[in-house]
């Protein structure tokens, strides 16, 4: 499964089923750029267990506002459309894998 870029319009559909890690980010955000390759590694290793969705907060403020995202990167873990975890800031790969494994 590839990382999906989502928008205000597609966010609800893309996070409604299964385990989804939603990455709220922006192009100007340094830590967001650091976490991107980590998410790519996780996707290539665990892509059949978790979907990774990326939402640019500058272009999709409605969804960011709905989930109260104040700082980025913010990662929200969805299970069947419900938020089950929230992480703010850069996290090492091991921590993210542990988080995903709790919900798959």
PDB file of N, CA and C in Angstrom:
ATOM      1  N   UNK A   1       0.851  -1.195   0.000  1.00  0.00           N
ATOM      2  CA  UNK A   1       0.000   0.000   0.000  1.00  0.00           C
ATOM      3  C   UNK A   1       0.888   1.247   0.000  1.00  0.00           C
ATOM      4  N   UNK A   2       0.523   2.209  -0.776  1.00  0.00           N
ATOM      5  CA  UNK A   2       1.318   3.437  -0.852  1.00  0.00           C
ATOM      6  C   UNK A   2       0.744   4.484   0.102  1.00  0.00           C
ATOM      7  N   UNK A   3       1.575   5.438   0.462  1.00  0.00           N
ATOM      8  CA  UNK A   3       1.115   6.554   1.283  1.00  0.00           C
ATOM      9  C   UNK A   3       0.127   7.376   0.456  1.00  0.00           C
ATOM     10  N   UNK A   4      -0.982   7.737   1.080  1.00  0.00           N
ATOM     11  CA  UNK A   4      -2.054   8.445   0.385  1.00  0.00           C
ATOM     12  C   UNK A   4      -2.040   9.911   0.797  1.00  0.00           C
ATOM     13  N   UNK A   5      -2.079  10.814  -0.175  1.00  0.00           N
ATOM     14  CA  UNK A   5      -2.258  12.230   0.134  1.00  0.00           C
ATOM     15  C   UNK A   5      -3.749  12.506   0.176  1.00  0.00           C
ATOM     16  N   UNK A   6      -4.215  13.051   1.294  1.00  0.00           N
ATOM     17  CA  UNK A   6      -5.647  13.280   1.466  1.00  0.00           C
ATOM     18  C   UNK A   6      -5.946  14.769   1.573  1.00  0.00           C
ATOM     19  N   UNK A   7      -7.221  15.108   1.381  1.00  0.00           N
ATOM     20  CA  UNK A   7      -7.679  16.500   1.448  1.00  0.00           C
ATOM     21  C   UNK A   7      -8.869  16.558   2.400  1.00  0.00           C
ATOM     22  N   UNK A   8      -9.369  17.761   2.634  1.00  0.00           N
ATOM     23  CA  UNK A   8     -10.592  17.908   3.438  1.00  0.00           C
ATOM     24  C   UNK A   8     -11.703  17.017   2.879  1.00  0.00           C
ATOM     25  N   UNK A   9     -11.768  16.929   1.544  1.00  0.00           N
ATOM     26  CA  UNK A   9     -12.843  16.180   0.888  1.00  0.00           C
ATOM     27  C   UNK A   9     -12.694  14.662   1.053  1.00  0.00           C
ATOM     28  N   UNK A  10     -11.467  14.155   1.009  1.00  0.00           N
ATOM     29  CA  UNK A  10     -11.272  12.699   1.022  1.00  0.00           C
ATOM     30  C   UNK A  10     -10.895  12.131   2.389  1.00  0.00           C
ATOM     31  N   UNK A  11     -10.622  12.995   3.367  1.00  0.00           N
ATOM     32  CA  UNK A  11     -10.091  12.538   4.654  1.00  0.00           C
ATOM     33  C   UNK A  11     -10.996  11.515   5.331  1.00  0.00           C
ATOM     34  N   UNK A  12     -12.284  11.818   5.448  1.00  0.00           N
ATOM     35  CA  UNK A  12     -13.209  10.919   6.162  1.00  0.00           C
ATOM     36  C   UNK A  12     -13.265   9.544   5.499  1.00  0.00           C
ATOM     37  N   UNK A  13     -13.310   9.519   4.155  1.00  0.00           N
ATOM     38  CA  UNK A  13     -13.350   8.240   3.442  1.00  0.00           C
ATOM     39  C   UNK A  13     -12.074   7.434   3.679  1.00  0.00           C
ATOM     40  N   UNK A  14     -10.935   8.110   3.623  1.00  0.00           N
ATOM     41  CA  UNK A  14      -9.650   7.412   3.733  1.00  0.00           C
ATOM     42  C   UNK A  14      -9.366   6.910   5.155  1.00  0.00           C
ATOM     43  N   UNK A  15     -10.016   7.480   6.162  1.00  0.00           N
ATOM     44  CA  UNK A  15      -9.746   7.076   7.550  1.00  0.00           C
ATOM     45  C   UNK A  15     -10.890   6.278   8.165  1.00  0.00           C
ATOM     46  N   UNK A  16     -11.874   5.898   7.365  1.00  0.00           N
ATOM     47  CA  UNK A  16     -13.079   5.279   7.918  1.00  0.00           C
ATOM     48  C   UNK A  16     -12.940   3.786   8.226  1.00  0.00           C
ATOM     49  N   UNK A  17     -11.991   3.109   7.580  1.00  0.00           N
ATOM     50  CA  UNK A  17     -11.868   1.662   7.771  1.00  0.00           C
ATOM     51  C   UNK A  17     -10.450   1.268   8.138  1.00  0.00           C
ATOM     52  N   UNK A  18     -10.360   0.272   9.021  1.00  0.00           N
ATOM     53  CA  UNK A  18      -9.069  -0.295   9.370  1.00  0.00           C
ATOM     54  C   UNK A  18      -8.214   0.662  10.193  1.00  0.00           C
ATOM     55  N   UNK A  19      -6.903   0.383  10.200  1.00  0.00           N
ATOM     56  CA  UNK A  19      -5.949   1.169  10.971  1.00  0.00           C
ATOM     57  C   UNK A  19      -5.277   2.169  10.028  1.00  0.00           C
ATOM     58  N   UNK A  20      -5.408   3.459  10.370  1.00  0.00           N
ATOM     59  CA  UNK A  20      -4.849   4.520   9.525  1.00  0.00           C
ATOM     60  C   UNK A  20      -4.033   5.468  10.394  1.00  0.00           C
ATOM     61  N   UNK A  21      -2.817   5.752   9.967  1.00  0.00           N
ATOM     62  CA  UNK A  21      -1.977   6.748  10.628  1.00  0.00           C
ATOM     63  C   UNK A  21      -2.029   8.003   9.771  1.00  0.00           C
ATOM     64  N   UNK A  22      -2.655   9.057  10.306  1.00  0.00           N
ATOM     65  CA  UNK A  22      -2.800  10.307   9.565  1.00  0.00           C
ATOM     66  C   UNK A  22      -1.716  11.287  10.008  1.00  0.00           C
ATOM     67  N   UNK A  23      -0.954  11.764   9.051  1.00  0.00           N
ATOM     68  CA  UNK A  23       0.145  12.697   9.297  1.00  0.00           C
ATOM     69  C   UNK A  23      -0.310  14.096   8.878  1.00  0.00           C
ATOM     70  N   UNK A  24      -0.478  14.981   9.863  1.00  0.00           N
ATOM     71  CA  UNK A  24      -0.810  16.389   9.594  1.00  0.00           C
ATOM     72  C   UNK A  24       0.515  17.138   9.477  1.00  0.00           C
ATOM     73  N   UNK A  25       0.783  17.730   8.323  1.00  0.00           N
ATOM     74  CA  UNK A  25       2.097  18.316   8.041  1.00  0.00           C
ATOM     75  C   UNK A  25       1.949  19.575   7.186  1.00  0.00           C
ATOM     76  N   UNK A  26       3.093  20.239   6.959  1.00  0.00           N
ATOM     77  CA  UNK A  26       3.146  21.391   6.048  1.00  0.00           C
ATOM     78  C   UNK A  26       4.520  21.410   5.383  1.00  0.00           C
ATOM     79  N   UNK A  27       4.589  22.014   4.194  1.00  0.00           N
ATOM     80  CA  UNK A  27       5.835  22.014   3.422  1.00  0.00           C
ATOM     81  C   UNK A  27       6.962  22.765   4.133  1.00  0.00           C
ATOM     82  N   UNK A  28       6.629  23.776   4.947  1.00  0.00           N
ATOM     83  CA  UNK A  28       7.645  24.608   5.604  1.00  0.00           C
ATOM     84  C   UNK A  28       8.117  24.041   6.944  1.00  0.00           C
ATOM     85  N   UNK A  29       7.590  22.908   7.358  1.00  0.00           N
ATOM     86  CA  UNK A  29       7.839  22.367   8.704  1.00  0.00           C
ATOM     87  C   UNK A  29       9.034  21.412   8.702  1.00  0.00           C
ATOM     88  N   UNK A  30      10.113  21.789   9.387  1.00  0.00           N
ATOM     89  CA  UNK A  30      11.331  20.969   9.461  1.00  0.00           C
ATOM     90  C   UNK A  30      11.100  19.566  10.007  1.00  0.00           C
ATOM     91  N   UNK A  31      10.499  19.427  11.208  1.00  0.00           N
ATOM     92  CA  UNK A  31      10.252  18.086  11.756  1.00  0.00           C
ATOM     93  C   UNK A  31       9.347  17.236  10.853  1.00  0.00           C
ATOM     94  N   UNK A  32       8.453  17.884  10.100  1.00  0.00           N
ATOM     95  CA  UNK A  32       7.592  17.144   9.155  1.00  0.00           C
ATOM     96  C   UNK A  32       8.449  16.488   8.077  1.00  0.00           C
ATOM     97  N   UNK A  33       9.474  17.215   7.617  1.00  0.00           N
ATOM     98  CA  UNK A  33      10.374  16.667   6.598  1.00  0.00           C
ATOM     99  C   UNK A  33      11.199  15.519   7.171  1.00  0.00           C
ATOM    100  N   UNK A  34      11.522  15.595   8.458  1.00  0.00           N
ATOM    101  CA  UNK A  34      12.297  14.527   9.096  1.00  0.00           C
ATOM    102  C   UNK A  34      11.461  13.249   9.247  1.00  0.00           C
ATOM    103  N   UNK A  35      10.169  13.404   9.493  1.00  0.00           N
ATOM    104  CA  UNK A  35       9.334  12.229   9.749  1.00  0.00           C
ATOM    105  C   UNK A  35       8.905  11.541   8.455  1.00  0.00           C
ATOM    106  N   UNK A  36       8.921  12.269   7.326  1.00  0.00           N
ATOM    107  CA  UNK A  36       8.464  11.701   6.048  1.00  0.00           C
ATOM    108  C   UNK A  36       9.179  10.400   5.668  1.00  0.00           C
ATOM    109  N   UNK A  37      10.538  10.350   5.698  1.00  0.00           N
ATOM    110  CA  UNK A  37      11.196   9.081   5.327  1.00  0.00           C
ATOM    111  C   UNK A  37      10.910   7.959   6.328  1.00  0.00           C
ATOM    112  N   UNK A  38      10.686   8.313   7.586  1.00  0.00           N
ATOM    113  CA  UNK A  38      10.336   7.312   8.604  1.00  0.00           C
ATOM    114  C   UNK A  38       8.994   6.679   8.237  1.00  0.00           C
ATOM    115  N   UNK A  39       8.024   7.516   7.849  1.00  0.00           N
ATOM    116  CA  UNK A  39       6.712   7.009   7.454  1.00  0.00           C
ATOM    117  C   UNK A  39       6.809   6.161   6.186  1.00  0.00           C
ATOM    118  N   UNK A  40       7.696   6.532   5.270  1.00  0.00           N
ATOM    119  CA  UNK A  40       7.883   5.736   4.050  1.00  0.00           C
ATOM    120  C   UNK A  40       8.430   4.350   4.377  1.00  0.00           C
ATOM    121  N   UNK A  41       9.383   4.293   5.314  1.00  0.00           N
ATOM    122  CA  UNK A  41       9.929   2.999   5.746  1.00  0.00           C
ATOM    123  C   UNK A  41       8.833   2.144   6.370  1.00  0.00           C
ATOM    124  N   UNK A  42       8.052   2.755   7.260  1.00  0.00           N
ATOM    125  CA  UNK A  42       6.967   2.021   7.917  1.00  0.00           C
ATOM    126  C   UNK A  42       5.979   1.518   6.875  1.00  0.00           C
ATOM    127  N   UNK A  43       5.667   2.350   5.888  1.00  0.00           N
ATOM    128  CA  UNK A  43       4.731   1.950   4.838  1.00  0.00           C
ATOM    129  C   UNK A  43       5.266   0.751   4.063  1.00  0.00           C
ATOM    130  N   UNK A  44       6.556   0.770   3.735  1.00  0.00           N
ATOM    131  CA  UNK A  44       7.095  -0.346   2.948  1.00  0.00           C
ATOM    132  C   UNK A  44       7.178  -1.627   3.780  1.00  0.00           C
ATOM    133  N   UNK A  45       7.337  -1.504   5.098  1.00  0.00           N
ATOM    134  CA  UNK A  45       7.449  -2.687   5.955  1.00  0.00           C
ATOM    135  C   UNK A  45       6.097  -3.178   6.482  1.00  0.00           C
ATOM    136  N   UNK A  46       5.164  -2.254   6.701  1.00  0.00           N
ATOM    137  CA  UNK A  46       3.895  -2.622   7.359  1.00  0.00           C
ATOM    138  C   UNK A  46       2.679  -2.211   6.545  1.00  0.00           C
ATOM    139  N   UNK A  47       2.874  -1.926   5.264  1.00  0.00           N
ATOM    140  CA  UNK A  47       1.815  -1.377   4.429  1.00  0.00           C
ATOM    141  C   UNK A  47       0.542  -2.189   4.363  1.00  0.00           C
ATOM    142  N   UNK A  48       0.632  -3.511   4.594  1.00  0.00           N
ATOM    143  CA  UNK A  48      -0.579  -4.317   4.545  1.00  0.00           C
ATOM    144  C   UNK A  48      -1.356  -4.249   5.860  1.00  0.00           C
ATOM    145  N   UNK A  49      -0.739  -3.710   6.927  1.00  0.00           N
ATOM    146  CA  UNK A  49      -1.393  -3.637   8.232  1.00  0.00           C
ATOM    147  C   UNK A  49      -1.933  -2.244   8.552  1.00  0.00           C
ATOM    148  N   UNK A  50      -1.323  -1.233   7.941  1.00  0.00           N
ATOM    149  CA  UNK A  50      -1.693   0.151   8.274  1.00  0.00           C
ATOM    150  C   UNK A  50      -1.659   1.009   7.008  1.00  0.00           C
ATOM    151  N   UNK A  51      -2.609   1.910   6.902  1.00  0.00           N
ATOM    152  CA  UNK A  51      -2.607   2.887   5.811  1.00  0.00           C
ATOM    153  C   UNK A  51      -2.032   4.181   6.378  1.00  0.00           C
ATOM    154  N   UNK A  52      -1.163   4.835   5.633  1.00  0.00           N
ATOM    155  CA  UNK A  52      -0.627   6.125   6.053  1.00  0.00           C
ATOM    156  C   UNK A  52      -1.217   7.193   5.142  1.00  0.00           C
ATOM    157  N   UNK A  53      -1.850   8.185   5.767  1.00  0.00           N
ATOM    158  CA  UNK A  53      -2.482   9.273   5.026  1.00  0.00           C
ATOM    159  C   UNK A  53      -1.825  10.583   5.431  1.00  0.00           C
ATOM    160  N   UNK A  54      -1.446  11.400   4.444  1.00  0.00           N
ATOM    161  CA  UNK A  54      -0.796  12.680   4.721  1.00  0.00           C
ATOM    162  C   UNK A  54      -1.744  13.819   4.360  1.00  0.00           C
ATOM    163  N   UNK A  55      -1.888  14.768   5.276  1.00  0.00           N
ATOM    164  CA  UNK A  55      -2.770  15.914   5.053  1.00  0.00           C
ATOM    165  C   UNK A  55      -1.976  17.202   5.239  1.00  0.00           C
ATOM    166  N   UNK A  56      -1.863  17.987   4.177  1.00  0.00           N
ATOM    167  CA  UNK A  56      -1.188  19.287   4.229  1.00  0.00           C
ATOM    168  C   UNK A  56      -2.127  20.274   4.929  1.00  0.00           C
ATOM    169  N   UNK A  57      -1.740  20.730   6.134  1.00  0.00           N
ATOM    170  CA  UNK A  57      -2.630  21.580   6.931  1.00  0.00           C
ATOM    171  C   UNK A  57      -2.837  22.966   6.326  1.00  0.00           C
ATOM    172  N   UNK A  58      -1.885  23.437   5.522  1.00  0.00           N
ATOM    173  CA  UNK A  58      -2.053  24.748   4.886  1.00  0.00           C
ATOM    174  C   UNK A  58      -3.171  24.709   3.842  1.00  0.00           C
ATOM    175  N   UNK A  59      -3.288  23.587   3.157  1.00  0.00           N
ATOM    176  CA  UNK A  59      -4.288  23.459   2.102  1.00  0.00           C
ATOM    177  C   UNK A  59      -5.610  22.890   2.606  1.00  0.00           C
ATOM    178  N   UNK A  60      -5.610  22.290   3.792  1.00  0.00           N
ATOM    179  CA  UNK A  60      -6.795  21.591   4.304  1.00  0.00           C
ATOM    180  C   UNK A  60      -7.051  21.965   5.759  1.00  0.00           C
ATOM    181  N   UNK A  61      -7.356  23.226   5.982  1.00  0.00           N
ATOM    182  CA  UNK A  61      -7.486  23.731   7.352  1.00  0.00           C
ATOM    183  C   UNK A  61      -8.745  23.222   8.057  1.00  0.00           C
ATOM    184  N   UNK A  62      -9.750  22.877   7.287  1.00  0.00           N
ATOM    185  CA  UNK A  62     -11.003  22.404   7.879  1.00  0.00           C
ATOM    186  C   UNK A  62     -10.789  21.130   8.704  1.00  0.00           C
ATOM    187  N   UNK A  63     -10.105  20.157   8.105  1.00  0.00           N
ATOM    188  CA  UNK A  63      -9.860  18.886   8.793  1.00  0.00           C
ATOM    189  C   UNK A  63      -8.925  19.090   9.981  1.00  0.00           C
ATOM    190  N   UNK A  64      -7.874  19.877   9.808  1.00  0.00           N
ATOM    191  CA  UNK A  64      -6.952  20.153  10.909  1.00  0.00           C
ATOM    192  C   UNK A  64      -7.714  20.790  12.074  1.00  0.00           C
ATOM    193  N   UNK A  65      -8.601  21.734  11.767  1.00  0.00           N
ATOM    194  CA  UNK A  65      -9.406  22.388  12.801  1.00  0.00           C
ATOM    195  C   UNK A  65     -10.353  21.422  13.493  1.00  0.00           C
ATOM    196  N   UNK A  66     -10.956  20.545  12.717  1.00  0.00           N
ATOM    197  CA  UNK A  66     -11.914  19.573  13.268  1.00  0.00           C
ATOM    198  C   UNK A  66     -11.253  18.697  14.325  1.00  0.00           C
ATOM    199  N   UNK A  67      -9.994  18.324  14.096  1.00  0.00           N
ATOM    200  CA  UNK A  67      -9.283  17.454  15.038  1.00  0.00           C
ATOM    201  C   UNK A  67      -8.407  18.233  16.020  1.00  0.00           C
ATOM    202  N   UNK A  68      -8.523  19.544  16.020  1.00  0.00           N
ATOM    203  CA  UNK A  68      -7.800  20.363  16.992  1.00  0.00           C
ATOM    204  C   UNK A  68      -6.294  20.324  16.838  1.00  0.00           C
ATOM    205  N   UNK A  69      -5.814  20.190  15.611  1.00  0.00           N
ATOM    206  CA  UNK A  69      -4.367  20.134  15.367  1.00  0.00           C
ATOM    207  C   UNK A  69      -3.799  21.546  15.474  1.00  0.00           C
ATOM    208  N   UNK A  70      -2.961  21.771  16.490  1.00  0.00           N
ATOM    209  CA  UNK A  70      -2.385  23.086  16.743  1.00  0.00           C
ATOM    210  C   UNK A  70      -0.921  23.169  16.339  1.00  0.00           C
ATOM    211  N   UNK A  71      -0.202  22.064  16.482  1.00  0.00           N
ATOM    212  CA  UNK A  71       1.206  22.071  16.078  1.00  0.00           C
ATOM    213  C   UNK A  71       1.456  20.850  15.203  1.00  0.00           C
ATOM    214  N   UNK A  72       2.464  20.981  14.356  1.00  0.00           N
ATOM    215  CA  UNK A  72       2.765  19.895  13.434  1.00  0.00           C
ATOM    216  C   UNK A  72       4.235  19.512  13.549  1.00  0.00           C
ATOM    217  N   UNK A  73       4.609  18.295  13.225  1.00  0.00           N
ATOM    218  CA  UNK A  73       3.688  17.260  12.781  1.00  0.00           C
ATOM    219  C   UNK A  73       2.811  16.737  13.926  1.00  0.00           C
ATOM    220  N   UNK A  74       1.570  16.471  13.621  1.00  0.00           N
ATOM    221  CA  UNK A  74       0.681  15.737  14.516  1.00  0.00           C
ATOM    222  C   UNK A  74       0.298  14.463  13.793  1.00  0.00           C
ATOM    223  N   UNK A  75       0.410  13.345  14.491  1.00  0.00           N
ATOM    224  CA  UNK A  75       0.003  12.063  13.932  1.00  0.00           C
ATOM    225  C   UNK A  75      -1.222  11.592  14.702  1.00  0.00           C
ATOM    226  N   UNK A  76      -2.287  11.306  13.992  1.00  0.00           N
ATOM    227  CA  UNK A  76      -3.481  10.748  14.600  1.00  0.00           C
ATOM    228  C   UNK A  76      -3.637   9.313  14.125  1.00  0.00           C
ATOM    229  N   UNK A  77      -3.870   8.415  15.073  1.00  0.00           N
ATOM    230  CA  UNK A  77      -4.073   7.007  14.756  1.00  0.00           C
ATOM    231  C   UNK A  77      -5.572   6.747  14.763  1.00  0.00           C
ATOM    232  N   UNK A  78      -6.089   6.295  13.636  1.00  0.00           N
ATOM    233  CA  UNK A  78      -7.513   5.979  13.514  1.00  0.00           C
ATOM    234  C   UNK A  78      -7.696   4.472  13.472  1.00  0.00           C
ATOM    235  N   UNK A  79      -8.740   4.012  14.129  1.00  0.00           N
ATOM    236  CA  UNK A  79      -9.153   2.617  13.975  1.00  0.00           C
ATOM    237  C   UNK A  79     -10.628   2.644  13.642  1.00  0.00           C
ATOM    238  N   UNK A  80     -10.954   2.200  12.434  1.00  0.00           N
ATOM    239  CA  UNK A  80     -12.333   2.202  11.937  1.00  0.00           C
ATOM    240  C   UNK A  80     -13.013   3.557  12.122  1.00  0.00           C
ATOM    241  N   UNK A  81     -12.287   4.625  11.770  1.00  0.00           N
ATOM    242  CA  UNK A  81     -12.864   5.964  11.768  1.00  0.00           C
ATOM    243  C   UNK A  81     -12.788   6.717  13.084  1.00  0.00           C
ATOM    244  N   UNK A  82     -12.329   6.062  14.153  1.00  0.00           N
ATOM    245  CA  UNK A  82     -12.227   6.719  15.465  1.00  0.00           C
ATOM    246  C   UNK A  82     -10.768   7.007  15.800  1.00  0.00           C
ATOM    247  N   UNK A  83     -10.493   8.185  16.382  1.00  0.00           N
ATOM    248  CA  UNK A  83      -9.126   8.506  16.815  1.00  0.00           C
ATOM    249  C   UNK A  83      -8.825   7.711  18.084  1.00  0.00           C
ATOM    250  N   UNK A  84      -7.757   6.921  18.052  1.00  0.00           N
ATOM    251  CA  UNK A  84      -7.380   6.119  19.218  1.00  0.00           C
ATOM    252  C   UNK A  84      -6.070   6.586  19.856  1.00  0.00           C
ATOM    253  N   UNK A  85      -5.283   7.369  19.126  1.00  0.00           N
ATOM    254  CA  UNK A  85      -4.017   7.894  19.670  1.00  0.00           C
ATOM    255  C   UNK A  85      -3.701   9.208  18.975  1.00  0.00           C
ATOM    256  N   UNK A  86      -2.941  10.064  19.686  1.00  0.00           N
ATOM    257  CA  UNK A  86      -2.442  11.299  19.072  1.00  0.00           C
ATOM    258  C   UNK A  86      -1.012  11.515  19.525  1.00  0.00           C
ATOM    259  N   UNK A  87      -0.155  11.809  18.567  1.00  0.00           N
ATOM    260  CA  UNK A  87       1.249  12.094  18.860  1.00  0.00           C
ATOM    261  C   UNK A  87       1.588  13.429  18.210  1.00  0.00           C
ATOM    262  N   UNK A  88       2.239  14.300  18.970  1.00  0.00           N
ATOM    263  CA  UNK A  88       2.653  15.587  18.420  1.00  0.00           C
ATOM    264  C   UNK A  88       4.179  15.627  18.402  1.00  0.00           C
ATOM    265  N   UNK A  89       4.739  16.043  17.262  1.00  0.00           N
ATOM    266  CA  UNK A  89       6.191  16.163  17.153  1.00  0.00           C
ATOM    267  C   UNK A  89       6.820  14.938  16.528  1.00  0.00           C
ATOM    268  N   UNK A  90       8.091  15.066  16.215  1.00  0.00           N
ATOM    269  CA  UNK A  90       8.842  13.973  15.588  1.00  0.00           C
ATOM    270  C   UNK A  90       8.963  12.804  16.554  1.00  0.00           C
ATOM    271  N   UNK A  91       8.778  11.603  16.058  1.00  0.00           N
ATOM    272  CA  UNK A  91       8.964  10.387  16.849  1.00  0.00           C
ATOM    273  C   UNK A  91       9.868   9.428  16.076  1.00  0.00           C
ATOM    274  N   UNK A  92      10.734   8.699  16.789  1.00  0.00           N
ATOM    275  CA  UNK A  92      11.556   7.708  16.084  1.00  0.00           C
ATOM    276  C   UNK A  92      10.692   6.559  15.569  1.00  0.00           C
ATOM    277  N   UNK A  93      11.203   5.887  14.571  1.00  0.00           N
ATOM    278  CA  UNK A  93      10.479   4.800  13.912  1.00  0.00           C
ATOM    279  C   UNK A  93      10.000   3.742  14.905  1.00  0.00           C
ATOM    280  N   UNK A  94      10.862   3.350  15.840  1.00  0.00           N
ATOM    281  CA  UNK A  94      10.519   2.282  16.785  1.00  0.00           C
ATOM    282  C   UNK A  94       9.249   2.634  17.560  1.00  0.00           C
ATOM    283  N   UNK A  95       9.143   3.899  17.958  1.00  0.00           N
ATOM    284  CA  UNK A  95       7.991   4.339  18.730  1.00  0.00           C
ATOM    285  C   UNK A  95       6.710   4.292  17.891  1.00  0.00           C
ATOM    286  N   UNK A  96       6.815   4.680  16.635  1.00  0.00           N
ATOM    287  CA  UNK A  96       5.654   4.655  15.753  1.00  0.00           C
ATOM    288  C   UNK A  96       5.227   3.223  15.451  1.00  0.00           C
ATOM    289  N   UNK A  97       6.192   2.328  15.241  1.00  0.00           N
ATOM    290  CA  UNK A  97       5.876   0.920  14.980  1.00  0.00           C
ATOM    291  C   UNK A  97       5.169   0.314  16.189  1.00  0.00           C
ATOM    292  N   UNK A  98       5.659   0.641  17.380  1.00  0.00           N
ATOM    293  CA  UNK A  98       5.038   0.163  18.622  1.00  0.00           C
ATOM    294  C   UNK A  98       3.595   0.627  18.708  1.00  0.00           C
ATOM    295  N   UNK A  99       3.374   1.903  18.384  1.00  0.00           N
ATOM    296  CA  UNK A  99       2.032   2.499  18.410  1.00  0.00           C
ATOM    297  C   UNK A  99       1.099   1.773  17.428  1.00  0.00           C
ATOM    298  N   UNK A 100       1.584   1.554  16.227  1.00  0.00           N
ATOM    299  CA  UNK A 100       0.774   0.867  15.212  1.00  0.00           C
ATOM    300  C   UNK A 100       0.443  -0.554  15.673  1.00  0.00           C
ATOM    301  N   UNK A 101       1.450  -1.257  16.200  1.00  0.00           N
ATOM    302  CA  UNK A 101       1.245  -2.632  16.623  1.00  0.00           C
ATOM    303  C   UNK A 101       0.198  -2.788  17.719  1.00  0.00           C
ATOM    304  N   UNK A 102       0.003  -1.719  18.522  1.00  0.00           N
ATOM    305  CA  UNK A 102      -1.024  -1.771  19.568  1.00  0.00           C
ATOM    306  C   UNK A 102      -2.425  -1.845  18.975  1.00  0.00           C
ATOM    307  N   UNK A 103      -2.575  -1.406  17.725  1.00  0.00           N
ATOM    308  CA  UNK A 103      -3.919  -1.273  17.148  1.00  0.00           C
ATOM    309  C   UNK A 103      -4.210  -2.191  15.967  1.00  0.00           C
ATOM    310  N   UNK A 104      -3.202  -2.942  15.499  1.00  0.00           N
ATOM    311  CA  UNK A 104      -3.471  -3.821  14.348  1.00  0.00           C
ATOM    312  C   UNK A 104      -3.891  -5.207  14.814  1.00  0.00           C
TER     313      UNK A 104
END
